[in-house]
Amino acid sequence: MGTPDFAVPSLRLLLEEGYNVTTVVTQPDRPKGRKRVLTPPPVKVEAEKHGIPVLQPEKLRQADSVELLRQLKPDLIVTAAYGQILPKAVLDLPQYGCINIHASLLPKYRGGAPIHHAVIRGEDVTGVTIMYMAVGLDTGDMISKVELPIEDTDTTGSLFDKLSIAGADLLKRTLPDLLAGRIQAVAQIEADAIYSPNIRREDELIDWSRSAAQLWNQVRGLNPFPGAYTLWNGEVMKVWASANPKSSSEPRSRSFSEISGEAPVPGTVLGSSEQGIEVMTGEGTLWLTEIQPSGKKAMPVSEFVRGVQIPTGTVFGHSN
């Protein structure tokens, strides 16, 4: 059971290792893009390459969906970013249980957006946990783990790719012991649990009163989807990349107070050049290096400033 690209390496691993994958369960095809073209999930595409039957129930909790799975008589159900909670009637079906490949070091970052939240919160380490599934959300006993560092160059997109491969590798090392009954699962410590809900629209808005380091983490944590944004002239401007304020060697713009005689408020543009747009934050300044103005494509600031200048003193987040 899986839906996005994250789950594809694990499906391939099961097939490469000779496990009998009788059925793939994934989300229904959804409209995508500006033209709203009905598009199958990546896991469905991979399954069909290998001639594996695919089920796409709108709601797995419905009685007819549960009955379909019961008729399959699965020995084991493996899930990876499936996108629906399995009801107890499904959890009880397989002899070896239902296991989940979760992209965090549980009990930290339970929920639907663990990679996003780990980057946004400035974590140095993340990883993958394989766990037995339980009725609660990502609350089951942990079977195995692997850690991965979060590099300064990482975004949610790059970690998504790394963790999908790490998850498949961990599954390869875990399944033989699980099927042989050699697993000693460990209960999660509830007091250490952190929830990571799906990203909301308000999570994408840049609050310039926060520190430059926090905003840098937000920008890379929302890249490549759904993207952080601010307002410029009352319209949405996406911010796709910014310079690491901890190691930025960008030249400091001329002091705003030297130009205007006033102290800059958070969100004030201090200057712009091919190196980036320097913006005042609640603590330090942040250099924006890739942006996407409303109605335009994403572009490096070095390209943007050749045709458009954002005047010093502009305040992002307000109508100017």
Protein backbone atom coordinates (compact mmCIF):
# COMPACT_ATOMS: atom_id res chain seq x y z
CA MET A 1 0.00 0.00 0.00
CA GLY A 2 1.53 3.27 -1.14
CA THR A 3 0.88 6.28 -3.31
CA PRO A 4 3.67 8.82 -4.10
CA ASP A 5 7.18 8.42 -5.47
CA PHE A 6 8.41 7.82 -1.91
CA ALA A 7 6.81 4.35 -1.94
CA VAL A 8 8.13 3.22 -5.34
CA PRO A 9 11.63 2.06 -4.22
CA SER A 10 10.05 -0.14 -1.53
CA LEU A 11 7.73 -1.78 -4.05
CA ARG A 12 10.67 -2.39 -6.39
CA LEU A 13 12.68 -3.85 -3.51
CA LEU A 14 9.94 -6.37 -2.69
CA LEU A 15 9.85 -7.49 -6.31
CA GLU A 16 13.65 -7.64 -6.67
CA GLU A 17 13.91 -9.76 -3.51
CA GLY A 18 11.38 -12.24 -4.86
CA TYR A 19 8.50 -11.55 -2.48
CA ASN A 20 5.10 -12.43 -3.90
CA VAL A 21 3.39 -9.03 -4.20
CA THR A 22 -0.14 -10.17 -5.02
CA THR A 23 -1.81 -6.75 -5.04
CA VAL A 24 -0.99 -3.04 -4.80
CA VAL A 25 -3.41 -0.71 -3.04
CA THR A 26 -3.10 3.00 -3.80
CA GLN A 27 -5.13 6.19 -3.91
CA PRO A 28 -7.52 6.88 -6.81
CA ASP A 29 -6.26 8.73 -9.87
CA ARG A 30 -6.44 12.50 -9.26
CA PRO A 31 -6.54 15.56 -11.56
CA LYS A 32 -3.15 17.30 -11.73
CA GLY A 33 -1.70 20.42 -13.27
CA ARG A 34 -3.39 23.46 -14.73
CA LYS A 35 -5.31 21.34 -17.22
CA ARG A 36 -6.46 19.00 -14.42
CA VAL A 37 -5.45 15.87 -16.30
CA LEU A 38 -6.47 12.68 -14.48
CA THR A 39 -3.16 11.19 -13.36
CA PRO A 40 -2.40 7.80 -11.75
CA PRO A 41 -0.27 7.66 -8.57
CA PRO A 42 3.40 6.73 -9.15
CA VAL A 43 2.92 3.44 -7.29
CA LYS A 44 0.14 2.44 -9.67
CA VAL A 45 2.36 3.18 -12.65
CA GLU A 46 5.13 1.01 -11.17
CA ALA A 47 2.73 -1.84 -10.33
CA GLU A 48 1.29 -1.91 -13.83
CA LYS A 49 4.81 -2.18 -15.30
CA HIS A 50 5.07 -5.52 -13.51
CA GLY A 51 1.52 -6.68 -14.18
CA ILE A 52 0.47 -6.46 -10.52
CA PRO A 53 -3.28 -5.97 -9.89
CA VAL A 54 -4.10 -2.54 -8.43
CA LEU A 55 -6.91 -1.56 -6.09
CA GLN A 56 -7.83 2.12 -5.65
CA PRO A 57 -10.57 2.43 -3.04
CA GLU A 58 -11.75 5.97 -2.32
CA LYS A 59 -12.17 4.97 1.32
CA LEU A 60 -10.44 1.90 2.68
CA ARG A 61 -12.80 1.85 5.68
CA GLN A 62 -15.79 0.91 3.56
CA ALA A 63 -17.02 -2.64 4.04
CA ASP A 64 -16.59 -3.63 0.39
CA SER A 65 -12.95 -2.48 0.42
CA VAL A 66 -12.23 -4.48 3.57
CA GLU A 67 -13.91 -7.53 2.04
CA LEU A 68 -11.74 -7.29 -1.10
CA LEU A 69 -8.62 -7.37 1.06
CA ARG A 70 -9.98 -10.23 3.17
CA GLN A 71 -10.44 -12.32 0.03
CA LEU A 72 -6.77 -11.78 -0.87
CA LYS A 73 -5.70 -13.46 2.40
CA PRO A 74 -2.48 -11.43 2.74
CA ASP A 75 0.37 -12.81 4.87
CA LEU A 76 1.80 -9.31 5.32
CA ILE A 77 0.75 -5.78 4.41
CA VAL A 78 3.53 -3.25 3.79
CA THR A 79 2.58 0.43 3.63
CA ALA A 80 4.62 3.47 2.63
CA ALA A 81 2.98 6.90 2.40
CA TYR A 82 -0.36 5.35 1.46
CA GLY A 83 -2.40 8.34 2.61
CA GLN A 84 -5.26 6.58 4.40
CA ILE A 85 -5.56 5.18 7.92
CA LEU A 86 -6.04 1.41 8.00
CA PRO A 87 -9.08 0.32 10.03
CA LYS A 88 -8.71 -2.41 12.64
CA ALA A 89 -10.54 -4.85 10.36
CA VAL A 90 -7.64 -4.53 7.90
CA LEU A 91 -4.90 -4.46 10.54
CA ASP A 92 -6.13 -7.82 11.82
CA LEU A 93 -6.02 -9.56 8.44
CA PRO A 94 -2.36 -10.57 7.86
CA GLN A 95 -0.59 -13.32 9.79
CA TYR A 96 2.55 -11.19 10.09
CA GLY A 97 0.69 -7.94 10.67
CA CYS A 98 0.76 -4.60 8.87
CA ILE A 99 4.01 -2.64 8.83
CA ASN A 100 4.65 0.93 7.80
CA ILE A 101 7.76 2.62 6.40
CA HIS A 102 7.61 6.06 8.03
CA ALA A 103 9.91 8.92 7.08
CA SER A 104 10.99 10.03 10.56
CA LEU A 105 12.64 8.80 13.71
CA LEU A 106 9.52 7.95 15.67
CA PRO A 107 8.01 9.02 17.96
CA LYS A 108 9.12 12.35 16.51
CA TYR A 109 7.10 13.60 13.58
CA ARG A 110 4.12 11.32 13.45
CA GLY A 111 1.61 12.27 10.78
CA GLY A 112 1.41 13.18 7.14
CA ALA A 113 4.31 15.63 6.63
CA PRO A 114 7.29 14.36 8.67
CA ILE A 115 9.96 15.44 6.18
CA HIS A 116 8.60 18.97 5.81
CA HIS A 117 8.39 19.52 9.56
CA ALA A 118 11.83 18.08 10.32
CA VAL A 119 13.43 20.59 7.93
CA ILE A 120 11.21 23.51 8.97
CA ARG A 121 12.10 22.94 12.63
CA GLY A 122 15.82 22.90 11.86
CA GLU A 123 16.55 19.28 12.78
CA ASP A 124 20.09 18.04 12.11
CA VAL A 125 19.08 14.37 11.81
CA THR A 126 16.10 12.50 10.43
CA GLY A 127 15.57 8.94 9.28
CA VAL A 128 13.16 6.10 8.62
CA THR A 129 11.29 3.93 11.10
CA ILE A 130 9.62 0.64 10.22
CA MET A 131 6.81 0.01 12.68
CA TYR A 132 3.86 -2.24 13.27
CA MET A 133 0.70 -0.37 12.44
CA ALA A 134 -1.86 0.28 15.15
CA VAL A 135 -5.23 2.00 15.30
CA GLY A 136 -3.64 5.32 16.34
CA LEU A 137 -1.76 7.57 13.93
CA ASP A 138 1.82 6.25 13.70
CA THR A 139 1.65 4.98 17.28
CA GLY A 140 2.62 1.34 16.72
CA ASP A 141 5.64 -0.48 18.11
CA MET A 142 8.92 0.21 16.32
CA ILE A 143 10.71 -2.62 14.51
CA SER A 144 13.81 -0.97 13.02
CA LYS A 145 15.33 2.44 12.32
CA VAL A 146 17.98 4.13 10.23
CA GLU A 147 19.30 7.68 10.69
CA LEU A 148 20.25 10.21 8.00
CA PRO A 149 21.84 13.62 8.53
CA ILE A 150 20.02 16.71 7.26
CA GLU A 151 22.64 18.68 5.36
CA ASP A 152 22.54 22.46 4.98
CA THR A 153 22.05 21.88 1.24
CA ASP A 154 19.03 19.65 1.77
CA THR A 155 15.46 20.58 0.96
CA THR A 156 12.35 18.53 1.59
CA GLY A 157 12.67 17.35 -2.01
CA SER A 158 16.22 16.04 -1.65
CA LEU A 159 15.40 14.37 1.67
CA PHE A 160 12.29 12.82 0.17
CA ASP A 161 14.50 11.06 -2.38
CA LYS A 162 17.15 10.02 0.15
CA LEU A 163 14.63 8.68 2.65
CA SER A 164 12.72 6.72 0.03
CA ILE A 165 15.91 4.82 -0.84
CA ALA A 166 16.85 4.43 2.83
CA GLY A 167 13.37 3.07 3.56
CA ALA A 168 13.65 0.43 0.86
CA ASP A 169 17.10 -0.61 2.12
CA LEU A 170 15.82 -0.83 5.69
CA LEU A 171 12.89 -2.94 4.52
CA LYS A 172 15.32 -5.32 2.81
CA ARG A 173 17.25 -5.77 6.07
CA THR A 174 14.14 -6.01 8.26
CA LEU A 175 11.85 -8.45 6.46
CA PRO A 176 13.90 -11.65 6.89
CA ASP A 177 13.98 -11.26 10.67
CA LEU A 178 10.32 -10.26 10.80
CA LEU A 179 9.17 -13.29 8.82
CA ALA A 180 11.44 -15.57 10.87
CA GLY A 181 9.95 -14.30 14.14
CA ARG A 182 13.21 -12.73 15.32
CA ILE A 183 11.83 -9.21 15.79
CA GLN A 184 11.61 -7.61 19.23
CA ALA A 185 9.55 -4.50 18.62
CA VAL A 186 9.93 -1.52 20.95
CA ALA A 187 7.05 0.62 22.18
CA GLN A 188 7.13 4.35 21.45
CA ILE A 189 7.54 6.78 24.34
CA GLU A 190 4.41 8.91 24.19
CA ALA A 191 6.02 11.81 26.07
CA ASP A 192 8.51 12.22 23.18
CA ALA A 193 5.88 12.27 20.45
CA ILE A 194 5.75 15.20 18.02
CA TYR A 195 2.93 15.50 15.49
CA SER A 196 3.57 16.66 11.92
CA PRO A 197 0.24 17.45 10.25
CA ASN A 198 -0.13 18.05 6.55
CA ILE A 199 1.10 21.49 5.49
CA ARG A 200 -1.61 24.15 5.61
CA ARG A 201 -1.79 27.35 3.60
CA GLU A 202 -0.93 29.40 6.68
CA ASP A 203 2.27 27.36 7.14
CA GLU A 204 3.47 28.62 3.75
CA LEU A 205 3.23 32.33 4.60
CA ILE A 206 6.55 33.93 5.60
CA ASP A 207 6.36 35.79 8.90
CA TRP A 208 9.24 38.25 8.61
CA SER A 209 9.25 38.86 12.39
CA ARG A 210 10.84 35.43 12.82
CA SER A 211 14.62 35.01 12.65
CA ALA A 212 16.56 34.65 9.42
CA ALA A 213 17.58 31.11 10.42
CA GLN A 214 13.96 30.07 11.01
CA LEU A 215 12.86 31.51 7.68
CA TRP A 216 15.74 29.82 5.85
CA ASN A 217 14.54 26.50 7.28
CA GLN A 218 10.95 27.31 6.28
CA VAL A 219 11.94 28.10 2.70
CA ARG A 220 13.92 24.90 2.18
CA GLY A 221 11.37 22.87 4.14
CA LEU A 222 8.67 23.89 1.66
CA ASN A 223 10.80 23.28 -1.44
CA PRO A 224 9.78 21.83 -3.91
CA PHE A 225 6.19 21.69 -2.64
CA PRO A 226 4.14 23.62 -1.78
CA GLY A 227 6.56 26.58 -1.49
CA ALA A 228 6.93 29.45 0.98
CA TYR A 229 5.46 32.79 -0.03
CA THR A 230 5.23 36.45 0.86
CA LEU A 231 3.20 39.34 -0.52
CA TRP A 232 4.68 41.90 -2.88
CA ASN A 233 2.45 44.71 -4.09
CA GLY A 234 -0.49 42.77 -2.71
CA GLU A 235 0.25 39.66 -4.81
CA VAL A 236 1.75 36.32 -3.89
CA MET A 237 5.48 35.91 -4.49
CA LYS A 238 6.91 32.45 -3.91
CA VAL A 239 10.34 32.17 -2.33
CA TRP A 240 12.02 28.95 -3.43
CA ALA A 241 15.56 29.43 -2.13
CA SER A 242 17.56 31.64 0.21
CA ALA A 243 21.15 31.80 1.42
CA ASN A 244 22.03 30.06 4.67
CA PRO A 245 22.31 32.93 7.19
CA LYS A 246 24.78 30.88 9.26
CA SER A 247 27.33 30.75 6.48
CA SER A 248 26.28 33.44 4.03
CA SER A 249 29.16 35.40 2.57
CA GLU A 250 26.86 37.77 0.70
CA PRO A 251 27.90 41.43 1.04
CA ARG A 252 25.71 43.40 3.42
CA SER A 253 23.50 45.97 1.69
CA ARG A 254 23.89 49.59 2.64
CA SER A 255 22.16 50.27 5.94
CA PHE A 256 18.50 51.12 5.40
CA SER A 257 18.72 53.69 8.19
CA GLU A 258 21.54 55.37 6.29
CA ILE A 259 19.23 55.76 3.31
CA SER A 260 15.93 56.62 4.98
CA GLY A 261 16.87 57.73 8.48
CA GLU A 262 14.46 55.09 9.85
CA ALA A 263 14.97 51.66 11.42
CA PRO A 264 13.74 48.92 9.05
CA VAL A 265 10.77 46.80 10.09
CA PRO A 266 10.86 43.05 9.43
CA GLY A 267 10.13 42.38 5.76
CA THR A 268 11.93 45.53 4.56
CA VAL A 269 14.05 45.14 1.44
CA LEU A 270 17.52 46.44 2.29
CA GLY A 271 18.89 46.05 -1.21
CA SER A 272 18.93 43.83 -4.27
CA SER A 273 21.54 42.72 -6.75
CA GLU A 274 22.48 39.66 -8.78
CA GLN A 275 23.59 38.07 -5.48
CA GLY A 276 20.06 38.22 -4.09
CA ILE A 277 17.45 40.34 -2.34
CA GLU A 278 18.39 41.18 1.26
CA VAL A 279 15.39 41.35 3.56
CA MET A 280 15.23 42.40 7.20
CA THR A 281 13.87 39.77 9.58
CA GLY A 282 13.13 39.72 13.30
CA GLU A 283 16.74 38.62 13.82
CA GLY A 284 19.32 39.20 11.13
CA THR A 285 18.76 39.46 7.38
CA LEU A 286 17.82 36.85 4.79
CA TRP A 287 19.10 36.81 1.22
CA LEU A 288 16.48 35.53 -1.23
CA THR A 289 18.14 33.76 -4.15
CA GLU A 290 15.24 32.21 -6.11
CA ILE A 291 11.75 33.69 -6.35
CA GLN A 292 8.57 33.36 -8.37
CA PRO A 293 6.50 36.54 -8.74
CA SER A 294 2.77 36.15 -9.36
CA GLY A 295 2.07 34.94 -12.91
CA LYS A 296 5.75 34.26 -13.63
CA LYS A 297 8.01 31.22 -13.65
CA ALA A 298 10.44 30.52 -10.83
CA MET A 299 13.79 32.19 -11.48
CA PRO A 300 17.10 33.01 -9.81
CA VAL A 301 17.18 36.53 -8.42
CA SER A 302 20.21 37.16 -10.65
CA GLU A 303 17.85 36.76 -13.63
CA PHE A 304 14.96 38.62 -12.03
CA VAL A 305 16.89 41.83 -11.26
CA ARG A 306 17.99 42.23 -14.88
CA GLY A 307 14.44 43.22 -15.76
CA VAL A 308 12.81 44.33 -12.49
CA GLN A 309 14.07 46.25 -9.50
CA ILE A 310 12.46 46.04 -6.08
CA PRO A 311 13.11 49.43 -4.49
CA THR A 312 15.00 49.56 -1.23
CA GLY A 313 12.48 50.20 1.52
CA THR A 314 9.80 47.96 0.00
CA VAL A 315 8.13 45.97 2.74
CA PHE A 316 7.15 42.43 1.85
CA GLY A 317 3.85 41.27 3.30
CA HIS A 318 2.21 44.65 2.75
CA SER A 319 0.75 46.56 -0.18
CA ASN A 320 3.48 48.91 -1.42
